[in-house]
Amino acid sequence: MPSHRLLRVRELLKREIGEAIRRELPVQQAGLVTVNDVDVTGDLKNARVYLGLLGNSEQKKIAVDLLNQYRVRIQAHVGKAVVLKFTPRLHFVMDESIGRGTRVLQIIEELEKTTPKED
C-alpha cells in the first residue's frame, strides 16, 4: 500500500494534470479528456497518467497526438504548480475502463428489455 504522502502527491498531480490538459487541449478538436488516475513511482521521477477520452474516433486520435505534442508543456505546468524535488516525467495511457463499463451497462439494459418479467 502506498504511503500517505504518495497518495497525496498522486491526487495533487491528478488535479494539476487535469487542469493543464483542460487549458491546452481544445474540446472541439480532442473531445473530452479526463484524468482517471495517476500512478507515481516511489522516487517520484515517473508518473503514468490514465486518461479517459470521450468523443468520436477522430477526436480520440487527435487527443492522443495533442497529448504527446504538449506533454512537455503539461509537465512544465505541473512542475510550477506542484513543488517537488523532481517533476515526474508524464506517460499517458488510455484508460478504456469507462467505455467497457458503459458497454456492460448497455448489455444489461438490453437483457432486461428482452427477458420477460415474472411476477
C-alpha atoms as a PDB file:
ATOM      1  CA  MET A   1       0.000   0.000   0.000  1.00  0.00           C
ATOM      2  CA  PRO A   2       1.371   3.428  -0.935  1.00  0.00           C
ATOM      3  CA  SER A   3       2.332   5.842   1.797  1.00  0.00           C
ATOM      4  CA  HIS A   4       0.070   8.694   2.826  1.00  0.00           C
ATOM      5  CA  ARG A   5       2.463  11.181   1.211  1.00  0.00           C
ATOM      6  CA  LEU A   6       2.451   9.279  -2.072  1.00  0.00           C
ATOM      7  CA  LEU A   7      -1.345   9.225  -2.091  1.00  0.00           C
ATOM      8  CA  ARG A   8      -1.451  12.984  -1.538  1.00  0.00           C
ATOM      9  CA  VAL A   9       1.082  13.559  -4.335  1.00  0.00           C
ATOM     10  CA  ARG A  10      -0.956  11.366  -6.682  1.00  0.00           C
ATOM     11  CA  GLU A  11      -4.139  13.333  -6.013  1.00  0.00           C
ATOM     12  CA  LEU A  12      -2.352  16.654  -6.395  1.00  0.00           C
ATOM     13  CA  LEU A  13      -0.788  15.544  -9.685  1.00  0.00           C
ATOM     14  CA  LYS A  14      -4.147  14.268 -10.903  1.00  0.00           C
ATOM     15  CA  ARG A  15      -5.770  17.639 -10.249  1.00  0.00           C
ATOM     16  CA  GLU A  16      -2.968  19.706 -11.792  1.00  0.00           C
ATOM     17  CA  ILE A  17      -2.565  17.488 -14.865  1.00  0.00           C
ATOM     18  CA  GLY A  18      -6.319  17.702 -15.435  1.00  0.00           C
ATOM     19  CA  GLU A  19      -6.157  21.483 -15.208  1.00  0.00           C
ATOM     20  CA  ALA A  20      -3.220  21.634 -17.636  1.00  0.00           C
ATOM     21  CA  ILE A  21      -4.994  19.372 -20.122  1.00  0.00           C
ATOM     22  CA  ARG A  22      -8.121  21.495 -19.872  1.00  0.00           C
ATOM     23  CA  ARG A  23      -6.055  24.577 -20.764  1.00  0.00           C
ATOM     24  CA  GLU A  24      -4.003  23.019 -23.561  1.00  0.00           C
ATOM     25  CA  LEU A  25      -6.423  20.780 -25.462  1.00  0.00           C
ATOM     26  CA  PRO A  26      -9.411  22.296 -27.276  1.00  0.00           C
ATOM     27  CA  VAL A  27     -12.558  20.241 -26.567  1.00  0.00           C
ATOM     28  CA  GLN A  28     -13.890  20.757 -30.106  1.00  0.00           C
ATOM     29  CA  GLN A  29     -10.852  19.009 -31.594  1.00  0.00           C
ATOM     30  CA  ALA A  30      -9.885  16.473 -28.940  1.00  0.00           C
ATOM     31  CA  GLY A  31     -13.197  15.664 -27.288  1.00  0.00           C
ATOM     32  CA  LEU A  32     -13.448  15.475 -23.529  1.00  0.00           C
ATOM     33  CA  VAL A  33     -10.250  14.260 -21.865  1.00  0.00           C
ATOM     34  CA  THR A  34     -10.420  13.271 -18.206  1.00  0.00           C
ATOM     35  CA  VAL A  35      -7.665  12.187 -15.845  1.00  0.00           C
ATOM     36  CA  ASN A  36      -8.916   8.981 -14.213  1.00  0.00           C
ATOM     37  CA  ASP A  37      -5.850   8.147 -12.147  1.00  0.00           C
ATOM     38  CA  VAL A  38      -2.149   8.861 -11.727  1.00  0.00           C
ATOM     39  CA  ASP A  39       0.334   6.182 -10.715  1.00  0.00           C
ATOM     40  CA  VAL A  40       3.645   7.573  -9.441  1.00  0.00           C
ATOM     41  CA  THR A  41       6.859   5.628  -8.928  1.00  0.00           C
ATOM     42  CA  GLY A  42       8.345   5.593  -5.422  1.00  0.00           C
ATOM     43  CA  ASP A  43      11.126   8.029  -6.377  1.00  0.00           C
ATOM     44  CA  LEU A  44       8.558  10.428  -7.960  1.00  0.00           C
ATOM     45  CA  LYS A  45      10.523  10.602 -11.223  1.00  0.00           C
ATOM     46  CA  ASN A  46       7.888   8.969 -13.445  1.00  0.00           C
ATOM     47  CA  ALA A  47       4.115   9.182 -13.476  1.00  0.00           C
ATOM     48  CA  ARG A  48       1.704   7.111 -15.515  1.00  0.00           C
ATOM     49  CA  VAL A  49      -1.424   9.140 -16.242  1.00  0.00           C
ATOM     50  CA  TYR A  50      -4.570   7.134 -17.025  1.00  0.00           C
ATOM     51  CA  LEU A  51      -6.867   9.133 -19.288  1.00  0.00           C
ATOM     52  CA  GLY A  52     -10.467   8.729 -20.324  1.00  0.00           C
ATOM     53  CA  LEU A  53     -11.379  10.046 -23.756  1.00  0.00           C
ATOM     54  CA  LEU A  54     -14.962  10.827 -24.686  1.00  0.00           C
ATOM     55  CA  GLY A  55     -15.637  11.648 -28.296  1.00  0.00           C
ATOM     56  CA  ASN A  56     -15.647  10.072 -31.712  1.00  0.00           C
ATOM     57  CA  SER A  57     -12.716   8.058 -33.071  1.00  0.00           C
ATOM     58  CA  GLU A  58     -11.278  11.076 -34.924  1.00  0.00           C
ATOM     59  CA  GLN A  59     -11.300  13.173 -31.745  1.00  0.00           C
ATOM     60  CA  LYS A  60      -9.606  10.367 -29.803  1.00  0.00           C
ATOM     61  CA  LYS A  61      -6.820  10.146 -32.374  1.00  0.00           C
ATOM     62  CA  ILE A  62      -6.355  13.927 -32.313  1.00  0.00           C
ATOM     63  CA  ALA A  63      -6.341  13.887 -28.489  1.00  0.00           C
ATOM     64  CA  VAL A  64      -3.568  11.281 -28.359  1.00  0.00           C
ATOM     65  CA  ASP A  65      -1.492  13.251 -30.877  1.00  0.00           C
ATOM     66  CA  LEU A  66      -2.015  16.532 -28.994  1.00  0.00           C
ATOM     67  CA  LEU A  67      -1.200  14.957 -25.633  1.00  0.00           C
ATOM     68  CA  ASN A  68       2.091  13.642 -26.965  1.00  0.00           C
ATOM     69  CA  GLN A  69       2.804  17.006 -28.596  1.00  0.00           C
ATOM     70  CA  TYR A  70       2.005  19.042 -25.451  1.00  0.00           C
ATOM     71  CA  ARG A  71       3.480  16.595 -22.905  1.00  0.00           C
ATOM     72  CA  VAL A  72       6.426  18.866 -22.099  1.00  0.00           C
ATOM     73  CA  ARG A  73       4.173  21.918 -21.652  1.00  0.00           C
ATOM     74  CA  ILE A  74       1.810  19.973 -19.405  1.00  0.00           C
ATOM     75  CA  GLN A  75       4.784  18.680 -17.438  1.00  0.00           C
ATOM     76  CA  ALA A  76       6.130  22.235 -17.077  1.00  0.00           C
ATOM     77  CA  HIS A  77       2.757  23.450 -15.796  1.00  0.00           C
ATOM     78  CA  VAL A  78       2.706  20.633 -13.246  1.00  0.00           C
ATOM     79  CA  GLY A  79       6.274  21.489 -12.213  1.00  0.00           C
ATOM     80  CA  LYS A  80       5.268  25.076 -11.458  1.00  0.00           C
ATOM     81  CA  ALA A  81       2.104  24.131  -9.601  1.00  0.00           C
ATOM     82  CA  VAL A  82       3.432  21.180  -7.587  1.00  0.00           C
ATOM     83  CA  VAL A  83       6.602  21.777  -5.607  1.00  0.00           C
ATOM     84  CA  LEU A  84       8.647  18.574  -5.652  1.00  0.00           C
ATOM     85  CA  LYS A  85      12.354  17.891  -5.880  1.00  0.00           C
ATOM     86  CA  PHE A  86      11.783  16.291  -9.293  1.00  0.00           C
ATOM     87  CA  THR A  87       8.902  16.909 -11.643  1.00  0.00           C
ATOM     88  CA  PRO A  88       7.682  13.481 -12.728  1.00  0.00           C
ATOM     89  CA  ARG A  89       8.041  12.561 -16.378  1.00  0.00           C
ATOM     90  CA  LEU A  90       4.495  12.014 -17.620  1.00  0.00           C
ATOM     91  CA  HIS A  91       3.486   8.915 -19.569  1.00  0.00           C
ATOM     92  CA  PHE A  92      -0.061   8.985 -20.931  1.00  0.00           C
ATOM     93  CA  VAL A  93      -2.076   5.757 -21.008  1.00  0.00           C
ATOM     94  CA  MET A  94      -5.575   5.483 -22.432  1.00  0.00           C
ATOM     95  CA  ASP A  95      -7.939   4.001 -19.847  1.00  0.00           C
ATOM     96  CA  GLU A  96     -10.732   2.100 -21.564  1.00  0.00           C
ATOM     97  CA  SER A  97     -12.481   1.117 -18.316  1.00  0.00           C
ATOM     98  CA  ILE A  98     -15.211   3.752 -18.675  1.00  0.00           C
ATOM     99  CA  GLY A  99     -16.027   2.586 -22.195  1.00  0.00           C
ATOM    100  CA  ARG A 100     -16.095  -1.044 -21.083  1.00  0.00           C
ATOM    101  CA  GLY A 101     -18.300  -0.163 -18.129  1.00  0.00           C
ATOM    102  CA  THR A 102     -20.722   1.703 -20.373  1.00  0.00           C
ATOM    103  CA  ARG A 103     -20.862  -1.271 -22.738  1.00  0.00           C
ATOM    104  CA  VAL A 104     -21.604  -3.664 -19.846  1.00  0.00           C
ATOM    105  CA  LEU A 105     -24.427  -1.399 -18.683  1.00  0.00           C
ATOM    106  CA  GLN A 106     -25.863  -1.337 -22.227  1.00  0.00           C
ATOM    107  CA  ILE A 107     -25.776  -5.137 -22.409  1.00  0.00           C
ATOM    108  CA  ILE A 108     -27.519  -5.441 -19.039  1.00  0.00           C
ATOM    109  CA  GLU A 109     -30.147  -2.948 -20.169  1.00  0.00           C
ATOM    110  CA  GLU A 110     -30.736  -4.900 -23.390  1.00  0.00           C
ATOM    111  CA  LEU A 111     -31.057  -8.155 -21.430  1.00  0.00           C
ATOM    112  CA  GLU A 112     -33.592  -6.589 -19.075  1.00  0.00           C
ATOM    113  CA  LYS A 113     -35.678  -5.457 -22.047  1.00  0.00           C
ATOM    114  CA  THR A 114     -35.665  -8.869 -23.742  1.00  0.00           C
ATOM    115  CA  THR A 115     -36.297 -11.116 -20.732  1.00  0.00           C
ATOM    116  CA  PRO A 116     -39.924 -11.416 -19.638  1.00  0.00           C
ATOM    117  CA  LYS A 117     -40.655 -10.299 -16.107  1.00  0.00           C
ATOM    118  CA  GLU A 118     -42.024 -12.904 -13.734  1.00  0.00           C
ATOM    119  CA  ASP A 119     -44.451 -11.858 -11.012  1.00  0.00           C
END
